[in-house]
Amino acid sequence: MKPLELLVERIILASRWLLVIFYLGLGAALAVYAVSFLYKFAKIAGDVFVLSEAEMILAMLSLIDAALVASLIVMVMISSYENFVGRFDDHQVEVSWLGKLDAGSLKIKVASSIVAISSIHLLQIFLNASQYDNGKIMWFTLMHLTFVVSALMLGFLEKILHKEKI
């Protein structure tokens, strides 16, 4: 029975390498998103003398939003690989937070990033409030508040779990 148990454990442990496919896919998605960002940037740069100040602020917010989404993808790729597949060698990668993110703190960082992205979207909506009816603005605000409360609850639960481990 012991050899069968060892075989099952080895198969389960080896299956973590299937996650690499997802991380490589996220890397490819990031490359596609970078092309989209460059297109958006070129469009804004071409219209720099045509856009009003409010339109320029909205355009810059969309670039900031894209940068946050890209950072979120990188953070998830690197820390998930490190947590679930294998460690990066110290001499190969010099990222200060590498190895410091466990699954719980990764969830909090992802939730915080989602709140930041949602905040930018909500700000864009408020700056274009005339294009939205009050009902839609209310729903966007409630969705944002849901993200905020979720992030706070994740942080609170992580704090409780961290106290139990000590």
C-alpha atoms as a PDB file:
ATOM      1  CA  MET A   1       0.000   0.000   0.000  1.00  0.00           C
ATOM      2  CA  LYS A   2       2.898   2.364   0.757  1.00  0.00           C
ATOM      3  CA  PRO A   3       4.286   2.330  -2.846  1.00  0.00           C
ATOM      4  CA  LEU A   4       0.832   3.256  -4.183  1.00  0.00           C
ATOM      5  CA  GLU A   5       0.581   6.093  -1.677  1.00  0.00           C
ATOM      6  CA  LEU A   6       4.035   7.381  -2.703  1.00  0.00           C
ATOM      7  CA  LEU A   7       3.049   7.227  -6.386  1.00  0.00           C
ATOM      8  CA  VAL A   8      -0.149   9.212  -5.757  1.00  0.00           C
ATOM      9  CA  GLU A   9       1.780  11.816  -3.752  1.00  0.00           C
ATOM     10  CA  ARG A  10       4.382  12.169  -6.504  1.00  0.00           C
ATOM     11  CA  ILE A  11       1.683  12.601  -9.153  1.00  0.00           C
ATOM     12  CA  ILE A  12      -0.086  15.230  -7.061  1.00  0.00           C
ATOM     13  CA  LEU A  13       3.147  17.121  -6.407  1.00  0.00           C
ATOM     14  CA  ALA A  14       4.180  16.906 -10.064  1.00  0.00           C
ATOM     15  CA  SER A  15       0.785  18.250 -11.187  1.00  0.00           C
ATOM     16  CA  ARG A  16       1.701  21.657  -9.767  1.00  0.00           C
ATOM     17  CA  TRP A  17       3.868  22.111 -12.868  1.00  0.00           C
ATOM     18  CA  LEU A  18       0.648  22.319 -14.908  1.00  0.00           C
ATOM     19  CA  LEU A  19       0.178  25.742 -13.298  1.00  0.00           C
ATOM     20  CA  VAL A  20       3.143  26.986 -15.336  1.00  0.00           C
ATOM     21  CA  ILE A  21       0.895  26.873 -18.420  1.00  0.00           C
ATOM     22  CA  PHE A  22      -1.412  29.404 -16.755  1.00  0.00           C
ATOM     23  CA  TYR A  23       1.469  31.668 -15.732  1.00  0.00           C
ATOM     24  CA  LEU A  24       2.907  31.588 -19.249  1.00  0.00           C
ATOM     25  CA  GLY A  25      -0.575  32.386 -20.556  1.00  0.00           C
ATOM     26  CA  LEU A  26      -0.734  35.368 -18.212  1.00  0.00           C
ATOM     27  CA  GLY A  27       2.661  36.464 -19.545  1.00  0.00           C
ATOM     28  CA  ALA A  28       1.332  36.267 -23.098  1.00  0.00           C
ATOM     29  CA  ALA A  29      -1.809  38.167 -22.050  1.00  0.00           C
ATOM     30  CA  LEU A  30       0.437  40.825 -20.508  1.00  0.00           C
ATOM     31  CA  ALA A  31       2.283  41.184 -23.829  1.00  0.00           C
ATOM     32  CA  VAL A  32      -1.036  41.620 -25.661  1.00  0.00           C
ATOM     33  CA  TYR A  33      -2.135  44.149 -23.050  1.00  0.00           C
ATOM     34  CA  ALA A  34       1.163  46.037 -23.516  1.00  0.00           C
ATOM     35  CA  VAL A  35       0.387  46.377 -27.233  1.00  0.00           C
ATOM     36  CA  SER A  36      -3.074  47.677 -26.316  1.00  0.00           C
ATOM     37  CA  PHE A  37      -1.459  50.146 -23.881  1.00  0.00           C
ATOM     38  CA  LEU A  38       0.945  51.409 -26.557  1.00  0.00           C
ATOM     39  CA  TYR A  39      -1.948  51.894 -28.982  1.00  0.00           C
ATOM     40  CA  LYS A  40      -3.891  53.811 -26.333  1.00  0.00           C
ATOM     41  CA  PHE A  41      -0.816  55.912 -25.508  1.00  0.00           C
ATOM     42  CA  ALA A  42      -0.143  56.706 -29.188  1.00  0.00           C
ATOM     43  CA  LYS A  43      -3.773  57.758 -29.632  1.00  0.00           C
ATOM     44  CA  ILE A  44      -3.547  60.070 -26.611  1.00  0.00           C
ATOM     45  CA  ALA A  45      -0.203  61.491 -27.732  1.00  0.00           C
ATOM     46  CA  GLY A  46      -1.648  62.207 -31.168  1.00  0.00           C
ATOM     47  CA  ASP A  47      -4.577  64.082 -29.639  1.00  0.00           C
ATOM     48  CA  VAL A  48      -2.591  65.955 -26.981  1.00  0.00           C
ATOM     49  CA  PHE A  49      -3.336  69.387 -28.482  1.00  0.00           C
ATOM     50  CA  VAL A  50      -6.970  68.553 -29.229  1.00  0.00           C
ATOM     51  CA  LEU A  51      -8.100  67.105 -25.893  1.00  0.00           C
ATOM     52  CA  SER A  52      -9.551  69.331 -23.207  1.00  0.00           C
ATOM     53  CA  GLU A  53      -8.090  69.222 -19.711  1.00  0.00           C
ATOM     54  CA  ALA A  54     -10.881  66.968 -18.453  1.00  0.00           C
ATOM     55  CA  GLU A  55     -10.442  64.612 -21.425  1.00  0.00           C
ATOM     56  CA  MET A  56      -6.688  64.521 -20.818  1.00  0.00           C
ATOM     57  CA  ILE A  57      -7.232  63.651 -17.148  1.00  0.00           C
ATOM     58  CA  LEU A  58      -9.562  60.826 -18.182  1.00  0.00           C
ATOM     59  CA  ALA A  59      -6.991  59.597 -20.696  1.00  0.00           C
ATOM     60  CA  MET A  60      -4.240  59.626 -18.059  1.00  0.00           C
ATOM     61  CA  LEU A  61      -6.508  57.760 -15.648  1.00  0.00           C
ATOM     62  CA  SER A  62      -7.032  55.071 -18.276  1.00  0.00           C
ATOM     63  CA  LEU A  63      -3.235  54.715 -18.632  1.00  0.00           C
ATOM     64  CA  ILE A  64      -2.849  54.492 -14.845  1.00  0.00           C
ATOM     65  CA  ASP A  65      -5.605  51.901 -14.786  1.00  0.00           C
ATOM     66  CA  ALA A  66      -3.789  49.859 -17.421  1.00  0.00           C
ATOM     67  CA  ALA A  67      -0.535  50.048 -15.441  1.00  0.00           C
ATOM     68  CA  LEU A  68      -2.308  48.807 -12.296  1.00  0.00           C
ATOM     69  CA  VAL A  69      -3.863  45.890 -14.166  1.00  0.00           C
ATOM     70  CA  ALA A  70      -0.473  44.983 -15.668  1.00  0.00           C
ATOM     71  CA  SER A  71       1.169  45.165 -12.230  1.00  0.00           C
ATOM     72  CA  LEU A  72      -1.544  42.939 -10.826  1.00  0.00           C
ATOM     73  CA  ILE A  73      -0.875  40.346 -13.527  1.00  0.00           C
ATOM     74  CA  VAL A  74       2.874  40.380 -12.820  1.00  0.00           C
ATOM     75  CA  MET A  75       2.328  40.139  -9.074  1.00  0.00           C
ATOM     76  CA  VAL A  76      -0.013  37.172  -9.458  1.00  0.00           C
ATOM     77  CA  MET A  77       2.304  35.406 -11.918  1.00  0.00           C
ATOM     78  CA  ILE A  78       5.472  35.753  -9.875  1.00  0.00           C
ATOM     79  CA  SER A  79       4.110  35.192  -6.395  1.00  0.00           C
ATOM     80  CA  SER A  80       1.837  32.318  -7.471  1.00  0.00           C
ATOM     81  CA  TYR A  81       4.742  30.583  -9.176  1.00  0.00           C
ATOM     82  CA  GLU A  82       6.876  31.103  -6.081  1.00  0.00           C
ATOM     83  CA  ASN A  83       4.130  29.849  -3.727  1.00  0.00           C
ATOM     84  CA  PHE A  84       2.835  26.876  -5.694  1.00  0.00           C
ATOM     85  CA  VAL A  85       5.488  25.675  -8.155  1.00  0.00           C
ATOM     86  CA  GLY A  86       9.039  26.497  -7.128  1.00  0.00           C
ATOM     87  CA  ARG A  87      11.371  29.106  -5.727  1.00  0.00           C
ATOM     88  CA  PHE A  88      13.305  31.555  -7.861  1.00  0.00           C
ATOM     89  CA  ASP A  89      17.047  31.508  -7.342  1.00  0.00           C
ATOM     90  CA  ASP A  90      18.231  34.600  -5.451  1.00  0.00           C
ATOM     91  CA  HIS A  91      20.982  35.369  -7.963  1.00  0.00           C
ATOM     92  CA  GLN A  92      18.588  35.270 -10.948  1.00  0.00           C
ATOM     93  CA  VAL A  93      15.826  37.587  -9.777  1.00  0.00           C
ATOM     94  CA  GLU A  94      16.199  40.725  -7.694  1.00  0.00           C
ATOM     95  CA  VAL A  95      12.670  41.581  -6.610  1.00  0.00           C
ATOM     96  CA  SER A  96      12.457  42.863  -3.034  1.00  0.00           C
ATOM     97  CA  TRP A  97       9.048  41.370  -2.233  1.00  0.00           C
ATOM     98  CA  LEU A  98       9.782  37.981  -3.779  1.00  0.00           C
ATOM     99  CA  GLY A  99       9.389  35.201  -1.256  1.00  0.00           C
ATOM    100  CA  LYS A 100       7.541  37.467   1.186  1.00  0.00           C
ATOM    101  CA  LEU A 101       4.058  36.954  -0.243  1.00  0.00           C
ATOM    102  CA  ASP A 102       2.201  33.942   1.014  1.00  0.00           C
ATOM    103  CA  ALA A 103      -1.250  33.020  -0.292  1.00  0.00           C
ATOM    104  CA  GLY A 104      -3.005  35.184   2.321  1.00  0.00           C
ATOM    105  CA  SER A 105      -0.997  38.333   1.700  1.00  0.00           C
ATOM    106  CA  LEU A 106      -1.313  37.773  -2.060  1.00  0.00           C
ATOM    107  CA  LYS A 107      -5.106  37.781  -1.689  1.00  0.00           C
ATOM    108  CA  ILE A 108      -4.920  41.068   0.204  1.00  0.00           C
ATOM    109  CA  LYS A 109      -2.645  42.633  -2.420  1.00  0.00           C
ATOM    110  CA  VAL A 110      -4.938  41.453  -5.226  1.00  0.00           C
ATOM    111  CA  ALA A 111      -7.989  42.812  -3.391  1.00  0.00           C
ATOM    112  CA  SER A 112      -6.199  46.123  -2.791  1.00  0.00           C
ATOM    113  CA  SER A 113      -5.292  46.327  -6.469  1.00  0.00           C
ATOM    114  CA  ILE A 114      -8.904  45.640  -7.433  1.00  0.00           C
ATOM    115  CA  VAL A 115     -10.032  48.431  -5.108  1.00  0.00           C
ATOM    116  CA  ALA A 116      -7.476  50.808  -6.693  1.00  0.00           C
ATOM    117  CA  ILE A 117      -8.607  49.863 -10.208  1.00  0.00           C
ATOM    118  CA  SER A 118     -12.247  50.239  -9.191  1.00  0.00           C
ATOM    119  CA  SER A 119     -11.450  53.644  -7.655  1.00  0.00           C
ATOM    120  CA  ILE A 120     -10.006  54.847 -10.939  1.00  0.00           C
ATOM    121  CA  HIS A 121     -13.034  53.597 -12.850  1.00  0.00           C
ATOM    122  CA  LEU A 122     -15.345  55.295 -10.382  1.00  0.00           C
ATOM    123  CA  LEU A 123     -13.379  58.540 -10.678  1.00  0.00           C
ATOM    124  CA  GLN A 124     -13.690  58.326 -14.455  1.00  0.00           C
ATOM    125  CA  ILE A 125     -17.442  57.849 -14.059  1.00  0.00           C
ATOM    126  CA  PHE A 126     -17.702  60.833 -11.698  1.00  0.00           C
ATOM    127  CA  LEU A 127     -15.728  63.001 -14.117  1.00  0.00           C
ATOM    128  CA  ASN A 128     -18.158  61.961 -16.866  1.00  0.00           C
ATOM    129  CA  ALA A 129     -21.233  62.012 -14.627  1.00  0.00           C
ATOM    130  CA  SER A 130     -23.324  63.760 -17.277  1.00  0.00           C
ATOM    131  CA  GLN A 131     -23.076  60.638 -19.460  1.00  0.00           C
ATOM    132  CA  TYR A 132     -24.536  58.359 -16.771  1.00  0.00           C
ATOM    133  CA  ASP A 133     -27.924  58.329 -15.096  1.00  0.00           C
ATOM    134  CA  ASN A 134     -28.053  58.451 -11.303  1.00  0.00           C
ATOM    135  CA  GLY A 135     -29.124  54.822 -11.019  1.00  0.00           C
ATOM    136  CA  LYS A 136     -26.024  53.584 -12.840  1.00  0.00           C
ATOM    137  CA  ILE A 137     -23.763  55.829 -10.773  1.00  0.00           C
ATOM    138  CA  MET A 138     -25.356  54.422  -7.621  1.00  0.00           C
ATOM    139  CA  TRP A 139     -24.725  50.830  -8.780  1.00  0.00           C
ATOM    140  CA  PHE A 140     -21.117  51.596  -9.724  1.00  0.00           C
ATOM    141  CA  THR A 141     -20.600  53.157  -6.300  1.00  0.00           C
ATOM    142  CA  LEU A 142     -22.179  50.175  -4.541  1.00  0.00           C
ATOM    143  CA  MET A 143     -19.993  47.773  -6.512  1.00  0.00           C
ATOM    144  CA  HIS A 144     -16.924  49.784  -5.533  1.00  0.00           C
ATOM    145  CA  LEU A 145     -17.975  49.781  -1.886  1.00  0.00           C
ATOM    146  CA  THR A 146     -18.430  46.001  -2.124  1.00  0.00           C
ATOM    147  CA  PHE A 147     -14.816  45.699  -3.320  1.00  0.00           C
ATOM    148  CA  VAL A 148     -13.660  47.937  -0.470  1.00  0.00           C
ATOM    149  CA  VAL A 149     -15.563  45.948   2.167  1.00  0.00           C
ATOM    150  CA  SER A 150     -14.295  42.666   0.684  1.00  0.00           C
ATOM    151  CA  ALA A 151     -10.679  43.886   0.831  1.00  0.00           C
ATOM    152  CA  LEU A 152     -11.154  45.054   4.416  1.00  0.00           C
ATOM    153  CA  MET A 153     -12.686  41.719   5.410  1.00  0.00           C
ATOM    154  CA  LEU A 154      -9.825  39.792   3.769  1.00  0.00           C
ATOM    155  CA  GLY A 155      -7.341  41.934   5.682  1.00  0.00           C
ATOM    156  CA  PHE A 156      -9.243  41.434   8.929  1.00  0.00           C
ATOM    157  CA  LEU A 157      -9.446  37.651   8.433  1.00  0.00           C
ATOM    158  CA  GLU A 158      -5.745  37.479   7.558  1.00  0.00           C
ATOM    159  CA  LYS A 159      -4.945  39.402  10.741  1.00  0.00           C
ATOM    160  CA  ILE A 160      -7.017  36.971  12.812  1.00  0.00           C
ATOM    161  CA  LEU A 161      -5.338  33.961  11.165  1.00  0.00           C
ATOM    162  CA  HIS A 162      -1.906  35.511  11.672  1.00  0.00           C
ATOM    163  CA  LYS A 163      -2.593  35.986  15.409  1.00  0.00           C
ATOM    164  CA  GLU A 164      -3.639  32.320  15.710  1.00  0.00           C
ATOM    165  CA  LYS A 165      -0.342  31.164  14.155  1.00  0.00           C
ATOM    166  CA  ILE A 166       1.699  33.113  16.730  1.00  0.00           C
END
